[in-house]
Amino acid sequence: MTAGGGGTPRPRGPLAAVLVTGPSMVPTLRHGDALLVRTGGRAVRAGDIVVAVFRSRPGLLVVKRAVRPAEGGWWVRGDNEFVTDDSRVHGVADVWGRVVARYWPRPRRFSEQPL
């Protein structure tokens, strides 16, 4: 990844590796999980796990679940009902890529999951 405008990282190719930090996606993902992210390909759909940037926090990448399109971006939420560090606090996010797999520590492919 390389730094983009405003300090937001940008991928160098169609795939990128991202590490999860924090508990917002528990139980689906945990702190330290390593993810493979596709930065192109099919359009994001509701239910996809995505890497996104909140417009109100442009220098920070977050891993969240896409809920619905909103204002040219996406409303995103974490899977952990006890952590609200998502669109409920920070508003609309721009999707940077779609998580296609966790490769560490327990490999798993991800597909669309209902909310």
N, C-alpha and C. Protein backbone atom coordinates (compact mmCIF):
# COMPACT_ATOMS: atom_id res chain seq x y z
N MET A 1 0.83 -1.18 0.00
CA MET A 1 0.00 0.00 0.00
C MET A 1 0.87 1.24 0.00
N THR A 2 0.35 2.29 -0.55
CA THR A 2 1.04 3.57 -0.52
C THR A 2 0.09 4.61 0.06
N ALA A 3 0.65 5.69 0.56
CA ALA A 3 -0.19 6.74 1.14
C ALA A 3 -0.83 7.55 0.04
N GLY A 4 -2.12 7.80 0.17
CA GLY A 4 -2.86 8.60 -0.79
C GLY A 4 -3.02 10.01 -0.27
N GLY A 5 -3.81 10.81 -0.96
CA GLY A 5 -4.08 12.16 -0.52
C GLY A 5 -4.69 12.18 0.86
N GLY A 6 -4.26 13.10 1.70
CA GLY A 6 -4.79 13.19 3.04
C GLY A 6 -4.30 12.10 3.97
N GLY A 7 -3.27 11.36 3.54
CA GLY A 7 -2.73 10.31 4.39
C GLY A 7 -3.44 8.98 4.29
N THR A 8 -4.46 8.86 3.44
CA THR A 8 -5.18 7.60 3.30
C THR A 8 -4.37 6.64 2.45
N PRO A 9 -4.09 5.42 2.94
CA PRO A 9 -3.34 4.45 2.15
C PRO A 9 -4.08 4.08 0.88
N ARG A 10 -3.31 3.83 -0.18
CA ARG A 10 -3.86 3.38 -1.46
C ARG A 10 -3.15 2.10 -1.85
N PRO A 11 -3.88 1.14 -2.42
CA PRO A 11 -3.24 -0.10 -2.85
C PRO A 11 -2.40 0.12 -4.09
N ARG A 12 -1.38 -0.74 -4.27
CA ARG A 12 -0.55 -0.67 -5.47
C ARG A 12 -1.08 -1.58 -6.57
N GLY A 13 -1.92 -2.52 -6.25
CA GLY A 13 -2.46 -3.46 -7.22
C GLY A 13 -3.88 -3.86 -6.85
N PRO A 14 -4.40 -4.93 -7.48
CA PRO A 14 -5.79 -5.32 -7.24
C PRO A 14 -6.02 -6.03 -5.91
N LEU A 15 -4.94 -6.48 -5.24
CA LEU A 15 -5.07 -7.15 -3.95
C LEU A 15 -4.16 -6.48 -2.93
N ALA A 16 -4.61 -6.48 -1.68
CA ALA A 16 -3.81 -5.90 -0.60
C ALA A 16 -4.01 -6.74 0.65
N ALA A 17 -3.03 -6.68 1.55
CA ALA A 17 -3.12 -7.35 2.84
C ALA A 17 -3.41 -6.31 3.91
N VAL A 18 -4.31 -6.64 4.83
CA VAL A 18 -4.70 -5.72 5.90
C VAL A 18 -4.76 -6.51 7.20
N LEU A 19 -4.28 -5.92 8.29
CA LEU A 19 -4.38 -6.53 9.62
C LEU A 19 -5.53 -5.88 10.39
N VAL A 20 -6.31 -6.70 11.07
CA VAL A 20 -7.40 -6.21 11.90
C VAL A 20 -6.84 -5.74 13.23
N THR A 21 -7.25 -4.56 13.67
CA THR A 21 -6.91 -4.08 15.01
C THR A 21 -8.21 -3.71 15.72
N GLY A 22 -8.33 -4.14 16.94
CA GLY A 22 -9.51 -3.81 17.73
C GLY A 22 -10.61 -4.85 17.64
N PRO A 23 -11.67 -4.66 18.46
CA PRO A 23 -12.73 -5.65 18.60
C PRO A 23 -14.02 -5.39 17.81
N SER A 24 -14.06 -4.41 16.93
CA SER A 24 -15.34 -4.02 16.34
C SER A 24 -15.98 -5.07 15.44
N MET A 25 -15.22 -6.04 14.94
CA MET A 25 -15.78 -7.06 14.05
C MET A 25 -15.93 -8.43 14.70
N VAL A 26 -15.72 -8.51 16.02
CA VAL A 26 -15.93 -9.77 16.74
C VAL A 26 -17.43 -10.10 16.66
N PRO A 27 -17.86 -11.31 16.41
CA PRO A 27 -17.10 -12.55 16.40
C PRO A 27 -16.55 -12.96 15.04
N THR A 28 -16.89 -12.22 13.97
CA THR A 28 -16.46 -12.62 12.63
C THR A 28 -14.95 -12.52 12.47
N LEU A 29 -14.38 -11.41 12.90
CA LEU A 29 -12.93 -11.19 12.82
C LEU A 29 -12.43 -10.77 14.19
N ARG A 30 -11.16 -11.06 14.44
CA ARG A 30 -10.56 -10.72 15.73
C ARG A 30 -9.28 -9.91 15.52
N HIS A 31 -8.89 -9.21 16.57
CA HIS A 31 -7.64 -8.44 16.56
C HIS A 31 -6.50 -9.36 16.13
N GLY A 32 -5.72 -8.92 15.15
CA GLY A 32 -4.59 -9.71 14.66
C GLY A 32 -4.88 -10.55 13.44
N ASP A 33 -6.15 -10.70 13.05
CA ASP A 33 -6.46 -11.46 11.84
C ASP A 33 -5.86 -10.73 10.63
N ALA A 34 -5.32 -11.51 9.70
CA ALA A 34 -4.76 -10.96 8.47
C ALA A 34 -5.74 -11.23 7.33
N LEU A 35 -6.06 -10.19 6.57
CA LEU A 35 -7.09 -10.27 5.54
C LEU A 35 -6.52 -9.99 4.16
N LEU A 36 -7.11 -10.64 3.16
CA LEU A 36 -6.82 -10.36 1.77
C LEU A 36 -7.97 -9.51 1.24
N VAL A 37 -7.63 -8.35 0.68
CA VAL A 37 -8.63 -7.38 0.24
C VAL A 37 -8.51 -7.16 -1.26
N ARG A 38 -9.64 -7.25 -1.97
CA ARG A 38 -9.68 -6.97 -3.41
C ARG A 38 -10.11 -5.52 -3.58
N THR A 39 -9.30 -4.75 -4.29
CA THR A 39 -9.59 -3.33 -4.45
C THR A 39 -10.31 -3.02 -5.75
N GLY A 40 -10.56 -4.03 -6.56
CA GLY A 40 -11.34 -3.87 -7.78
C GLY A 40 -12.36 -4.98 -7.83
N GLY A 41 -12.79 -5.34 -9.01
CA GLY A 41 -13.73 -6.45 -9.12
C GLY A 41 -15.16 -6.00 -9.00
N ARG A 42 -16.00 -6.92 -8.57
CA ARG A 42 -17.43 -6.63 -8.52
C ARG A 42 -17.75 -5.52 -7.52
N ALA A 43 -18.89 -4.91 -7.74
CA ALA A 43 -19.32 -3.83 -6.85
C ALA A 43 -19.61 -4.36 -5.46
N VAL A 44 -19.45 -3.51 -4.48
CA VAL A 44 -19.77 -3.85 -3.10
C VAL A 44 -21.28 -4.05 -2.97
N ARG A 45 -21.66 -5.03 -2.16
CA ARG A 45 -23.07 -5.30 -1.88
C ARG A 45 -23.29 -5.24 -0.37
N ALA A 46 -24.52 -4.94 0.01
CA ALA A 46 -24.86 -4.98 1.44
C ALA A 46 -24.52 -6.36 1.98
N GLY A 47 -23.87 -6.39 3.14
CA GLY A 47 -23.46 -7.65 3.75
C GLY A 47 -21.99 -7.97 3.55
N ASP A 48 -21.34 -7.34 2.56
CA ASP A 48 -19.91 -7.56 2.34
C ASP A 48 -19.10 -6.99 3.50
N ILE A 49 -17.99 -7.64 3.81
CA ILE A 49 -17.02 -7.07 4.74
C ILE A 49 -16.07 -6.23 3.89
N VAL A 50 -15.88 -4.98 4.30
CA VAL A 50 -15.11 -4.05 3.49
C VAL A 50 -14.04 -3.35 4.32
N VAL A 51 -13.07 -2.81 3.62
CA VAL A 51 -12.12 -1.87 4.21
C VAL A 51 -12.56 -0.51 3.69
N ALA A 52 -12.73 0.42 4.59
CA ALA A 52 -13.30 1.71 4.23
C ALA A 52 -12.60 2.84 4.97
N VAL A 53 -12.90 4.05 4.53
CA VAL A 53 -12.38 5.27 5.15
C VAL A 53 -13.56 6.18 5.44
N PHE A 54 -13.74 6.53 6.71
CA PHE A 54 -14.80 7.48 7.06
C PHE A 54 -14.40 8.86 6.54
N ARG A 55 -15.34 9.56 5.97
CA ARG A 55 -15.07 10.90 5.47
C ARG A 55 -14.66 11.83 6.60
N SER A 56 -15.13 11.56 7.80
CA SER A 56 -14.78 12.38 8.96
C SER A 56 -13.43 12.00 9.56
N ARG A 57 -12.83 10.89 9.11
CA ARG A 57 -11.52 10.42 9.61
C ARG A 57 -10.69 9.93 8.42
N PRO A 58 -10.29 10.80 7.51
CA PRO A 58 -9.70 10.38 6.24
C PRO A 58 -8.38 9.64 6.32
N GLY A 59 -7.67 9.68 7.40
CA GLY A 59 -6.38 8.99 7.48
C GLY A 59 -6.45 7.59 8.06
N LEU A 60 -7.65 7.09 8.34
CA LEU A 60 -7.79 5.82 9.04
C LEU A 60 -8.59 4.81 8.23
N LEU A 61 -7.98 3.66 7.95
CA LEU A 61 -8.70 2.56 7.31
C LEU A 61 -9.40 1.75 8.39
N VAL A 62 -10.64 1.32 8.11
CA VAL A 62 -11.39 0.50 9.05
C VAL A 62 -11.95 -0.72 8.34
N VAL A 63 -12.14 -1.80 9.09
CA VAL A 63 -12.76 -3.01 8.56
C VAL A 63 -14.16 -3.08 9.16
N LYS A 64 -15.17 -3.05 8.29
CA LYS A 64 -16.57 -3.04 8.75
C LYS A 64 -17.42 -3.82 7.74
N ARG A 65 -18.70 -3.98 8.07
CA ARG A 65 -19.65 -4.62 7.17
C ARG A 65 -20.46 -3.54 6.46
N ALA A 66 -20.56 -3.64 5.14
CA ALA A 66 -21.36 -2.69 4.36
C ALA A 66 -22.84 -2.94 4.65
N VAL A 67 -23.56 -1.87 5.00
CA VAL A 67 -24.99 -1.99 5.32
C VAL A 67 -25.85 -1.53 4.16
N ARG A 68 -25.60 -0.29 3.68
CA ARG A 68 -26.40 0.25 2.59
C ARG A 68 -25.66 1.42 1.95
N PRO A 69 -25.91 1.66 0.66
CA PRO A 69 -25.33 2.84 0.03
C PRO A 69 -25.91 4.10 0.67
N ALA A 70 -25.07 5.14 0.79
CA ALA A 70 -25.53 6.40 1.39
C ALA A 70 -24.65 7.54 0.90
N GLU A 71 -25.26 8.56 0.34
CA GLU A 71 -24.57 9.80 -0.04
C GLU A 71 -23.31 9.56 -0.86
N GLY A 72 -23.38 8.65 -1.82
CA GLY A 72 -22.24 8.36 -2.68
C GLY A 72 -21.18 7.48 -2.04
N GLY A 73 -21.43 7.01 -0.84
CA GLY A 73 -20.53 6.10 -0.13
C GLY A 73 -21.33 4.96 0.47
N TRP A 74 -20.91 4.48 1.63
CA TRP A 74 -21.60 3.38 2.31
C TRP A 74 -21.77 3.65 3.79
N TRP A 75 -22.92 3.22 4.31
CA TRP A 75 -23.14 3.16 5.74
C TRP A 75 -22.56 1.82 6.17
N VAL A 76 -21.63 1.82 7.13
CA VAL A 76 -20.96 0.59 7.55
C VAL A 76 -21.10 0.41 9.06
N ARG A 77 -21.11 -0.85 9.48
CA ARG A 77 -21.21 -1.17 10.91
C ARG A 77 -20.29 -2.32 11.25
N GLY A 78 -19.84 -2.33 12.49
CA GLY A 78 -19.08 -3.47 12.99
C GLY A 78 -20.03 -4.59 13.39
N ASP A 79 -19.51 -5.83 13.43
CA ASP A 79 -20.33 -6.97 13.84
C ASP A 79 -20.50 -7.06 15.35
N ASN A 80 -19.64 -6.38 16.10
CA ASN A 80 -19.71 -6.43 17.56
C ASN A 80 -20.75 -5.41 18.04
N GLU A 81 -21.86 -5.91 18.56
CA GLU A 81 -22.95 -5.02 18.96
C GLU A 81 -22.59 -4.07 20.10
N PHE A 82 -21.49 -4.35 20.80
CA PHE A 82 -21.10 -3.52 21.95
C PHE A 82 -20.09 -2.42 21.58
N VAL A 83 -19.65 -2.40 20.33
CA VAL A 83 -18.70 -1.38 19.87
C VAL A 83 -19.39 -0.57 18.78
N THR A 84 -19.50 0.74 18.97
CA THR A 84 -20.23 1.59 18.02
C THR A 84 -19.32 2.52 17.24
N ASP A 85 -18.06 2.14 17.07
CA ASP A 85 -17.10 2.96 16.33
C ASP A 85 -17.28 2.73 14.83
N ASP A 86 -18.44 3.14 14.31
CA ASP A 86 -18.78 2.89 12.92
C ASP A 86 -19.61 4.06 12.39
N SER A 87 -20.42 3.85 11.37
CA SER A 87 -21.18 4.95 10.77
C SER A 87 -22.15 5.60 11.74
N ARG A 88 -22.54 4.90 12.80
CA ARG A 88 -23.42 5.52 13.79
C ARG A 88 -22.75 6.70 14.46
N VAL A 89 -21.42 6.69 14.50
CA VAL A 89 -20.65 7.77 15.12
C VAL A 89 -19.99 8.65 14.06
N HIS A 90 -19.41 8.02 13.03
CA HIS A 90 -18.57 8.74 12.06
C HIS A 90 -19.22 9.03 10.72
N GLY A 91 -20.44 8.57 10.49
CA GLY A 91 -21.14 8.86 9.25
C GLY A 91 -20.72 7.98 8.09
N VAL A 92 -20.92 8.49 6.90
CA VAL A 92 -20.68 7.74 5.66
C VAL A 92 -19.20 7.45 5.46
N ALA A 93 -18.93 6.27 4.88
CA ALA A 93 -17.56 5.87 4.58
C ALA A 93 -17.42 5.59 3.09
N ASP A 94 -16.22 5.81 2.58
CA ASP A 94 -15.90 5.45 1.20
C ASP A 94 -15.18 4.11 1.23
N VAL A 95 -15.67 3.16 0.44
CA VAL A 95 -15.10 1.81 0.44
C VAL A 95 -13.80 1.81 -0.34
N TRP A 96 -12.78 1.24 0.25
CA TRP A 96 -11.43 1.13 -0.30
C TRP A 96 -11.22 -0.23 -0.94
N GLY A 97 -11.89 -1.26 -0.41
CA GLY A 97 -11.78 -2.61 -0.96
C GLY A 97 -12.72 -3.56 -0.25
N ARG A 98 -12.86 -4.75 -0.83
CA ARG A 98 -13.75 -5.78 -0.29
C ARG A 98 -12.92 -6.94 0.23
N VAL A 99 -13.17 -7.36 1.46
CA VAL A 99 -12.43 -8.48 2.05
C VAL A 99 -12.89 -9.77 1.37
N VAL A 100 -11.92 -10.53 0.84
CA VAL A 100 -12.25 -11.79 0.17
C VAL A 100 -11.81 -13.00 0.98
N ALA A 101 -10.85 -12.83 1.89
CA ALA A 101 -10.39 -13.97 2.68
C ALA A 101 -9.64 -13.51 3.92
N ARG A 102 -9.68 -14.36 4.92
CA ARG A 102 -8.78 -14.22 6.07
C ARG A 102 -7.73 -15.30 5.86
N TYR A 103 -6.44 -14.92 5.86
CA TYR A 103 -5.41 -15.93 5.63
C TYR A 103 -4.60 -16.25 6.88
N TRP A 104 -4.82 -15.53 7.96
CA TRP A 104 -4.15 -15.85 9.21
C TRP A 104 -5.03 -15.38 10.37
N PRO A 105 -5.21 -16.10 11.43
CA PRO A 105 -4.62 -17.41 11.74
C PRO A 105 -5.45 -18.59 11.25
N ARG A 106 -6.74 -18.38 10.95
CA ARG A 106 -7.60 -19.48 10.49
C ARG A 106 -8.10 -19.12 9.11
N PRO A 107 -7.53 -19.69 8.05
CA PRO A 107 -7.97 -19.33 6.70
C PRO A 107 -9.47 -19.50 6.52
N ARG A 108 -10.07 -18.54 5.83
CA ARG A 108 -11.51 -18.58 5.57
C ARG A 108 -11.82 -17.65 4.42
N ARG A 109 -12.68 -18.10 3.52
CA ARG A 109 -13.18 -17.22 2.45
C ARG A 109 -14.44 -16.54 2.94
N PHE A 110 -14.67 -15.32 2.47
CA PHE A 110 -15.87 -14.59 2.86
C PHE A 110 -16.78 -14.41 1.67
N SER A 111 -18.05 -14.54 1.92
CA SER A 111 -19.06 -14.26 0.91
C SER A 111 -20.07 -13.32 1.54
N GLU A 112 -21.02 -12.92 0.77
CA GLU A 112 -22.04 -12.01 1.28
C GLU A 112 -22.79 -12.68 2.42
N GLN A 113 -22.95 -11.96 3.51
CA GLN A 113 -23.67 -12.48 4.67
C GLN A 113 -24.78 -11.50 5.03
N PRO A 114 -25.98 -12.02 5.27
CA PRO A 114 -27.08 -11.11 5.63
C PRO A 114 -26.83 -10.43 6.96
N LEU A 115 -27.38 -9.25 7.12
CA LEU A 115 -27.23 -8.49 8.37
C LEU A 115 -28.19 -8.96 9.42
